[in-house]
Amino acid sequence: MGLLAVLIGNPLTDLVVTAEIKAGAWLVGTLFFVIRRVFRLSFESLLVRLMKLPFIRETTVHVMVMMKPIMKGVEPEALYVFMGVLTIRGVNEVLSPAIMSTGVLIETLTTPEVIAKLGRKGKRDC
């Protein structure tokens, strides 16, 4: 883990990862632009339509809950790697603002009716 932290902190790694993140962001931005122009849908309206499909919200919350034990087993050395990832310029400029903007999505996923349906077995109605 220490070696991985040093490799991530390398300026060359920073340059390569930042370029990949910016290229991916450009590609996703282009995809959203095409969807907006061709289908007259914004990303937000597409997400709202997706969340109205049966079991999507409950399944998303289930996946998020299942990921919790993964974070409990993190070794202290992994925090150094995580710290190294956070020092990459592309993560700070592109990914962090995108991740911070998902708070509204979390609020819609965890509405009371979704939480009430989580414990039910068998047929669920949405």
N, C-alpha and C. Protein backbone atom coordinates (compact mmCIF):
# COMPACT_ATOMS: atom_id res chain seq x y z
N MET A 1 0.82 -1.19 0.00
CA MET A 1 0.00 0.00 0.00
C MET A 1 0.86 1.25 0.00
N GLY A 2 1.97 1.22 0.72
CA GLY A 2 2.86 2.37 0.74
C GLY A 2 3.45 2.66 -0.63
N LEU A 3 3.81 1.60 -1.34
CA LEU A 3 4.34 1.75 -2.71
C LEU A 3 3.28 2.34 -3.63
N LEU A 4 2.05 1.89 -3.47
CA LEU A 4 0.96 2.41 -4.28
C LEU A 4 0.72 3.89 -3.99
N ALA A 5 0.82 4.28 -2.72
CA ALA A 5 0.66 5.69 -2.35
C ALA A 5 1.75 6.54 -2.98
N VAL A 6 2.99 6.03 -3.01
CA VAL A 6 4.09 6.77 -3.63
C VAL A 6 3.88 6.88 -5.13
N LEU A 7 3.43 5.80 -5.77
CA LEU A 7 3.19 5.82 -7.21
C LEU A 7 2.08 6.80 -7.58
N ILE A 8 1.05 6.87 -6.75
CA ILE A 8 -0.04 7.79 -7.03
C ILE A 8 0.42 9.23 -6.86
N GLY A 9 1.30 9.48 -5.91
CA GLY A 9 1.79 10.83 -5.66
C GLY A 9 2.79 11.31 -6.70
N ASN A 10 3.20 10.46 -7.63
CA ASN A 10 4.16 10.80 -8.67
C ASN A 10 3.56 11.84 -9.62
N PRO A 11 4.33 12.89 -10.02
CA PRO A 11 3.80 13.90 -10.95
C PRO A 11 3.38 13.33 -12.31
N LEU A 12 4.08 12.32 -12.78
CA LEU A 12 3.71 11.71 -14.06
C LEU A 12 2.35 11.01 -13.95
N THR A 13 2.14 10.32 -12.84
CA THR A 13 0.85 9.67 -12.61
C THR A 13 -0.25 10.72 -12.51
N ASP A 14 0.06 11.83 -11.84
CA ASP A 14 -0.91 12.92 -11.74
C ASP A 14 -1.30 13.43 -13.11
N LEU A 15 -0.33 13.61 -13.98
CA LEU A 15 -0.59 14.12 -15.33
C LEU A 15 -1.44 13.14 -16.14
N VAL A 16 -1.11 11.86 -16.09
CA VAL A 16 -1.83 10.85 -16.86
C VAL A 16 -3.26 10.69 -16.35
N VAL A 17 -3.42 10.58 -15.05
CA VAL A 17 -4.76 10.40 -14.49
C VAL A 17 -5.62 11.64 -14.73
N THR A 18 -5.04 12.83 -14.59
CA THR A 18 -5.79 14.06 -14.86
C THR A 18 -6.23 14.11 -16.32
N ALA A 19 -5.37 13.73 -17.24
CA ALA A 19 -5.74 13.72 -18.66
C ALA A 19 -6.87 12.72 -18.92
N GLU A 20 -6.80 11.53 -18.30
CA GLU A 20 -7.85 10.54 -18.48
C GLU A 20 -9.17 11.01 -17.90
N ILE A 21 -9.15 11.64 -16.74
CA ILE A 21 -10.37 12.14 -16.12
C ILE A 21 -11.00 13.24 -16.97
N LYS A 22 -10.18 14.16 -17.46
CA LYS A 22 -10.71 15.25 -18.29
C LYS A 22 -11.25 14.73 -19.61
N ALA A 23 -10.59 13.73 -20.20
CA ALA A 23 -11.10 13.14 -21.44
C ALA A 23 -12.43 12.43 -21.19
N GLY A 24 -12.53 11.71 -20.08
CA GLY A 24 -13.80 11.05 -19.73
C GLY A 24 -14.90 12.06 -19.47
N ALA A 25 -14.58 13.15 -18.79
CA ALA A 25 -15.57 14.20 -18.53
C ALA A 25 -16.03 14.84 -19.84
N TRP A 26 -15.10 15.04 -20.76
CA TRP A 26 -15.46 15.60 -22.06
C TRP A 26 -16.39 14.64 -22.82
N LEU A 27 -16.09 13.36 -22.77
CA LEU A 27 -16.90 12.35 -23.44
C LEU A 27 -18.31 12.29 -22.85
N VAL A 28 -18.41 12.29 -21.53
CA VAL A 28 -19.73 12.25 -20.88
C VAL A 28 -20.49 13.55 -21.17
N GLY A 29 -19.81 14.68 -21.15
CA GLY A 29 -20.45 15.95 -21.48
C GLY A 29 -20.98 15.96 -22.90
N THR A 30 -20.22 15.39 -23.83
CA THR A 30 -20.67 15.30 -25.21
C THR A 30 -21.89 14.39 -25.33
N LEU A 31 -21.87 13.28 -24.60
CA LEU A 31 -23.01 12.37 -24.61
C LEU A 31 -24.27 13.06 -24.08
N PHE A 32 -24.15 13.81 -22.98
CA PHE A 32 -25.30 14.53 -22.44
C PHE A 32 -25.78 15.61 -23.39
N PHE A 33 -24.85 16.25 -24.11
CA PHE A 33 -25.21 17.27 -25.08
C PHE A 33 -26.01 16.65 -26.22
N VAL A 34 -25.58 15.50 -26.71
CA VAL A 34 -26.29 14.82 -27.79
C VAL A 34 -27.68 14.37 -27.32
N ILE A 35 -27.76 13.84 -26.12
CA ILE A 35 -29.06 13.42 -25.59
C ILE A 35 -29.99 14.63 -25.46
N ARG A 36 -29.44 15.75 -25.02
CA ARG A 36 -30.25 16.96 -24.87
C ARG A 36 -30.74 17.47 -26.22
N ARG A 37 -29.88 17.43 -27.24
CA ARG A 37 -30.26 17.94 -28.57
C ARG A 37 -31.16 16.98 -29.33
N VAL A 38 -30.85 15.70 -29.32
CA VAL A 38 -31.59 14.73 -30.13
C VAL A 38 -32.91 14.34 -29.47
N PHE A 39 -32.87 13.99 -28.20
CA PHE A 39 -34.07 13.49 -27.53
C PHE A 39 -34.79 14.55 -26.71
N ARG A 40 -34.26 15.76 -26.65
CA ARG A 40 -34.84 16.87 -25.89
C ARG A 40 -35.04 16.50 -24.42
N LEU A 41 -34.06 15.79 -23.87
CA LEU A 41 -34.08 15.38 -22.47
C LEU A 41 -32.83 15.91 -21.78
N SER A 42 -33.01 16.48 -20.62
CA SER A 42 -31.84 16.84 -19.82
C SER A 42 -31.44 15.63 -18.99
N PHE A 43 -30.26 15.67 -18.43
CA PHE A 43 -29.80 14.56 -17.60
C PHE A 43 -30.70 14.39 -16.38
N GLU A 44 -31.15 15.50 -15.82
CA GLU A 44 -32.00 15.45 -14.64
C GLU A 44 -33.34 14.78 -14.95
N SER A 45 -33.97 15.15 -16.08
CA SER A 45 -35.25 14.54 -16.43
C SER A 45 -35.08 13.06 -16.77
N LEU A 46 -33.95 12.72 -17.39
CA LEU A 46 -33.67 11.31 -17.68
C LEU A 46 -33.50 10.52 -16.39
N LEU A 47 -32.84 11.11 -15.41
CA LEU A 47 -32.65 10.46 -14.12
C LEU A 47 -33.97 10.30 -13.37
N VAL A 48 -34.84 11.31 -13.46
CA VAL A 48 -36.16 11.22 -12.83
C VAL A 48 -36.97 10.09 -13.46
N ARG A 49 -36.92 9.98 -14.80
CA ARG A 49 -37.64 8.89 -15.47
C ARG A 49 -37.07 7.53 -15.08
N LEU A 50 -35.77 7.45 -14.96
CA LEU A 50 -35.15 6.20 -14.56
C LEU A 50 -35.55 5.80 -13.15
N MET A 51 -35.62 6.77 -12.24
CA MET A 51 -35.98 6.48 -10.86
C MET A 51 -37.45 6.10 -10.70
N LYS A 52 -38.27 6.37 -11.71
CA LYS A 52 -39.68 5.99 -11.64
C LYS A 52 -39.90 4.54 -12.06
N LEU A 53 -38.90 3.90 -12.63
CA LEU A 53 -39.04 2.50 -13.01
C LEU A 53 -39.17 1.63 -11.76
N PRO A 54 -39.88 0.51 -11.86
CA PRO A 54 -40.08 -0.33 -10.67
C PRO A 54 -38.75 -0.85 -10.10
N PHE A 55 -38.63 -0.81 -8.80
CA PHE A 55 -37.53 -1.36 -8.02
C PHE A 55 -36.18 -0.64 -8.19
N ILE A 56 -36.09 0.38 -9.01
CA ILE A 56 -34.80 1.04 -9.24
C ILE A 56 -34.32 1.74 -7.97
N ARG A 57 -35.19 2.50 -7.33
CA ARG A 57 -34.75 3.23 -6.13
C ARG A 57 -34.40 2.26 -5.01
N GLU A 58 -35.23 1.25 -4.80
CA GLU A 58 -34.96 0.29 -3.73
C GLU A 58 -33.66 -0.47 -3.99
N THR A 59 -33.44 -0.87 -5.24
CA THR A 59 -32.22 -1.60 -5.59
C THR A 59 -31.00 -0.72 -5.39
N THR A 60 -31.08 0.54 -5.76
CA THR A 60 -29.95 1.45 -5.59
C THR A 60 -29.61 1.62 -4.11
N VAL A 61 -30.63 1.76 -3.27
CA VAL A 61 -30.38 1.90 -1.84
C VAL A 61 -29.80 0.60 -1.28
N HIS A 62 -30.30 -0.57 -1.75
CA HIS A 62 -29.75 -1.86 -1.31
C HIS A 62 -28.26 -1.94 -1.64
N VAL A 63 -27.89 -1.54 -2.84
CA VAL A 63 -26.48 -1.59 -3.24
C VAL A 63 -25.64 -0.67 -2.35
N MET A 64 -26.16 0.50 -2.06
CA MET A 64 -25.42 1.43 -1.20
C MET A 64 -25.24 0.86 0.20
N VAL A 65 -26.27 0.18 0.72
CA VAL A 65 -26.18 -0.42 2.06
C VAL A 65 -25.20 -1.58 2.05
N MET A 66 -25.18 -2.36 0.96
CA MET A 66 -24.26 -3.49 0.88
C MET A 66 -22.80 -3.05 0.81
N MET A 67 -22.55 -1.83 0.37
CA MET A 67 -21.17 -1.33 0.29
C MET A 67 -20.62 -0.90 1.64
N LYS A 68 -21.47 -0.72 2.63
CA LYS A 68 -21.02 -0.25 3.94
C LYS A 68 -19.99 -1.16 4.59
N PRO A 69 -20.15 -2.50 4.59
CA PRO A 69 -19.11 -3.35 5.21
C PRO A 69 -17.75 -3.25 4.54
N ILE A 70 -17.71 -2.88 3.27
CA ILE A 70 -16.43 -2.73 2.58
C ILE A 70 -15.62 -1.63 3.26
N MET A 71 -16.28 -0.55 3.62
CA MET A 71 -15.58 0.57 4.24
C MET A 71 -15.13 0.25 5.66
N LYS A 72 -15.79 -0.69 6.34
CA LYS A 72 -15.39 -1.06 7.69
C LYS A 72 -14.06 -1.82 7.68
N GLY A 73 -13.79 -2.58 6.62
CA GLY A 73 -12.59 -3.39 6.57
C GLY A 73 -11.38 -2.71 5.95
N VAL A 74 -11.43 -1.40 5.76
CA VAL A 74 -10.33 -0.68 5.13
C VAL A 74 -9.13 -0.63 6.07
N GLU A 75 -7.98 -1.00 5.55
CA GLU A 75 -6.75 -0.94 6.33
C GLU A 75 -6.27 0.51 6.43
N PRO A 76 -5.54 0.85 7.49
CA PRO A 76 -5.05 2.23 7.62
C PRO A 76 -4.15 2.67 6.46
N GLU A 77 -3.43 1.71 5.87
CA GLU A 77 -2.56 2.06 4.75
C GLU A 77 -3.37 2.50 3.54
N ALA A 78 -4.59 2.01 3.43
CA ALA A 78 -5.45 2.40 2.30
C ALA A 78 -5.81 3.87 2.39
N LEU A 79 -5.80 4.42 3.59
CA LEU A 79 -6.08 5.84 3.73
C LEU A 79 -4.97 6.69 3.11
N TYR A 80 -3.72 6.20 3.15
CA TYR A 80 -2.63 6.91 2.48
C TYR A 80 -2.84 6.90 0.97
N VAL A 81 -3.31 5.78 0.44
CA VAL A 81 -3.60 5.69 -0.99
C VAL A 81 -4.74 6.65 -1.33
N PHE A 82 -5.78 6.66 -0.51
CA PHE A 82 -6.90 7.56 -0.73
C PHE A 82 -6.45 9.01 -0.68
N MET A 83 -5.55 9.32 0.25
CA MET A 83 -5.00 10.66 0.36
C MET A 83 -4.23 11.02 -0.92
N GLY A 84 -3.47 10.06 -1.44
CA GLY A 84 -2.75 10.29 -2.68
C GLY A 84 -3.68 10.53 -3.84
N VAL A 85 -4.79 9.82 -3.89
CA VAL A 85 -5.77 10.01 -4.96
C VAL A 85 -6.38 11.40 -4.87
N LEU A 86 -6.63 11.86 -3.66
CA LEU A 86 -7.23 13.19 -3.50
C LEU A 86 -6.28 14.32 -3.87
N THR A 87 -4.99 14.05 -3.94
CA THR A 87 -4.05 15.11 -4.33
C THR A 87 -3.93 15.25 -5.84
N ILE A 88 -4.52 14.34 -6.60
CA ILE A 88 -4.46 14.43 -8.06
C ILE A 88 -5.33 15.59 -8.52
N ARG A 89 -4.78 16.39 -9.39
CA ARG A 89 -5.44 17.60 -9.86
C ARG A 89 -6.78 17.31 -10.53
N GLY A 90 -6.85 16.27 -11.35
CA GLY A 90 -8.09 15.93 -12.05
C GLY A 90 -9.21 15.53 -11.10
N VAL A 91 -8.85 14.88 -10.01
CA VAL A 91 -9.86 14.49 -9.01
C VAL A 91 -10.44 15.75 -8.37
N ASN A 92 -9.58 16.70 -8.03
CA ASN A 92 -10.04 17.93 -7.38
C ASN A 92 -10.83 18.81 -8.32
N GLU A 93 -10.43 18.89 -9.59
CA GLU A 93 -11.07 19.81 -10.52
C GLU A 93 -12.34 19.25 -11.14
N VAL A 94 -12.40 17.94 -11.38
CA VAL A 94 -13.52 17.37 -12.13
C VAL A 94 -14.38 16.44 -11.27
N LEU A 95 -13.78 15.47 -10.63
CA LEU A 95 -14.56 14.45 -9.93
C LEU A 95 -15.18 14.94 -8.63
N SER A 96 -14.45 15.71 -7.84
CA SER A 96 -15.00 16.15 -6.55
C SER A 96 -16.28 16.97 -6.71
N PRO A 97 -16.33 17.97 -7.62
CA PRO A 97 -17.61 18.69 -7.80
C PRO A 97 -18.74 17.79 -8.29
N ALA A 98 -18.43 16.81 -9.12
CA ALA A 98 -19.47 15.90 -9.61
C ALA A 98 -20.00 15.02 -8.48
N ILE A 99 -19.12 14.56 -7.62
CA ILE A 99 -19.54 13.72 -6.51
C ILE A 99 -20.33 14.54 -5.49
N MET A 100 -19.91 15.76 -5.24
CA MET A 100 -20.61 16.60 -4.27
C MET A 100 -22.00 16.98 -4.74
N SER A 101 -22.25 16.97 -6.04
CA SER A 101 -23.57 17.36 -6.56
C SER A 101 -24.57 16.22 -6.51
N THR A 102 -24.20 15.05 -6.03
CA THR A 102 -25.13 13.92 -5.97
C THR A 102 -25.97 13.92 -4.71
N GLY A 103 -25.86 14.93 -3.87
CA GLY A 103 -26.65 14.99 -2.65
C GLY A 103 -28.15 15.00 -2.92
N VAL A 104 -28.57 15.68 -3.97
CA VAL A 104 -29.98 15.72 -4.32
C VAL A 104 -30.46 14.33 -4.72
N LEU A 105 -29.63 13.58 -5.42
CA LEU A 105 -29.99 12.22 -5.81
C LEU A 105 -30.16 11.34 -4.58
N ILE A 106 -29.29 11.48 -3.60
CA ILE A 106 -29.40 10.69 -2.37
C ILE A 106 -30.71 11.01 -1.66
N GLU A 107 -31.09 12.29 -1.65
CA GLU A 107 -32.35 12.67 -1.01
C GLU A 107 -33.55 12.01 -1.68
N THR A 108 -33.54 11.93 -3.02
CA THR A 108 -34.66 11.30 -3.71
C THR A 108 -34.64 9.79 -3.52
N LEU A 109 -33.47 9.21 -3.40
CA LEU A 109 -33.40 7.77 -3.21
C LEU A 109 -33.92 7.35 -1.84
N THR A 110 -33.74 8.19 -0.86
CA THR A 110 -34.08 7.80 0.50
C THR A 110 -35.36 8.46 0.99
N THR A 111 -36.34 8.62 0.12
CA THR A 111 -37.63 9.13 0.55
C THR A 111 -38.30 8.11 1.47
N PRO A 112 -39.22 8.53 2.33
CA PRO A 112 -39.83 7.59 3.29
C PRO A 112 -40.50 6.38 2.64
N GLU A 113 -41.12 6.56 1.47
CA GLU A 113 -41.77 5.40 0.85
C GLU A 113 -40.77 4.36 0.36
N VAL A 114 -39.59 4.81 -0.05
CA VAL A 114 -38.55 3.86 -0.47
C VAL A 114 -38.02 3.12 0.75
N ILE A 115 -37.75 3.83 1.81
CA ILE A 115 -37.23 3.20 3.03
C ILE A 115 -38.26 2.21 3.60
N ALA A 116 -39.55 2.56 3.52
CA ALA A 116 -40.59 1.66 4.03
C ALA A 116 -40.65 0.36 3.22
N LYS A 117 -40.33 0.41 1.93
CA LYS A 117 -40.39 -0.78 1.09
C LYS A 117 -39.16 -1.66 1.20
N LEU A 118 -38.10 -1.16 1.83
CA LEU A 118 -36.85 -1.92 1.88
C LEU A 118 -36.98 -3.23 2.63
N GLY A 119 -37.76 -3.26 3.71
CA GLY A 119 -37.85 -4.45 4.51
C GLY A 119 -38.86 -5.47 4.02
N ARG A 120 -39.65 -5.12 3.03
CA ARG A 120 -40.70 -6.02 2.55
C ARG A 120 -40.12 -7.14 1.72
N LYS A 121 -40.73 -8.29 1.85
CA LYS A 121 -40.38 -9.45 1.02
C LYS A 121 -41.51 -9.67 0.02
N GLY A 122 -41.18 -10.32 -1.06
CA GLY A 122 -42.21 -10.66 -2.05
C GLY A 122 -42.45 -9.53 -3.02
N LYS A 123 -43.71 -9.42 -3.48
CA LYS A 123 -44.04 -8.43 -4.50
C LYS A 123 -44.05 -7.03 -3.90
N ARG A 124 -43.38 -6.12 -4.58
CA ARG A 124 -43.34 -4.73 -4.16
C ARG A 124 -44.04 -3.90 -5.22
N ASP A 125 -44.76 -2.89 -4.79
CA ASP A 125 -45.40 -1.99 -5.74
C ASP A 125 -44.73 -0.63 -5.65
N CYS A 126 -44.49 -0.02 -6.81
CA CYS A 126 -43.81 1.26 -6.84
C CYS A 126 -44.75 2.36 -7.25
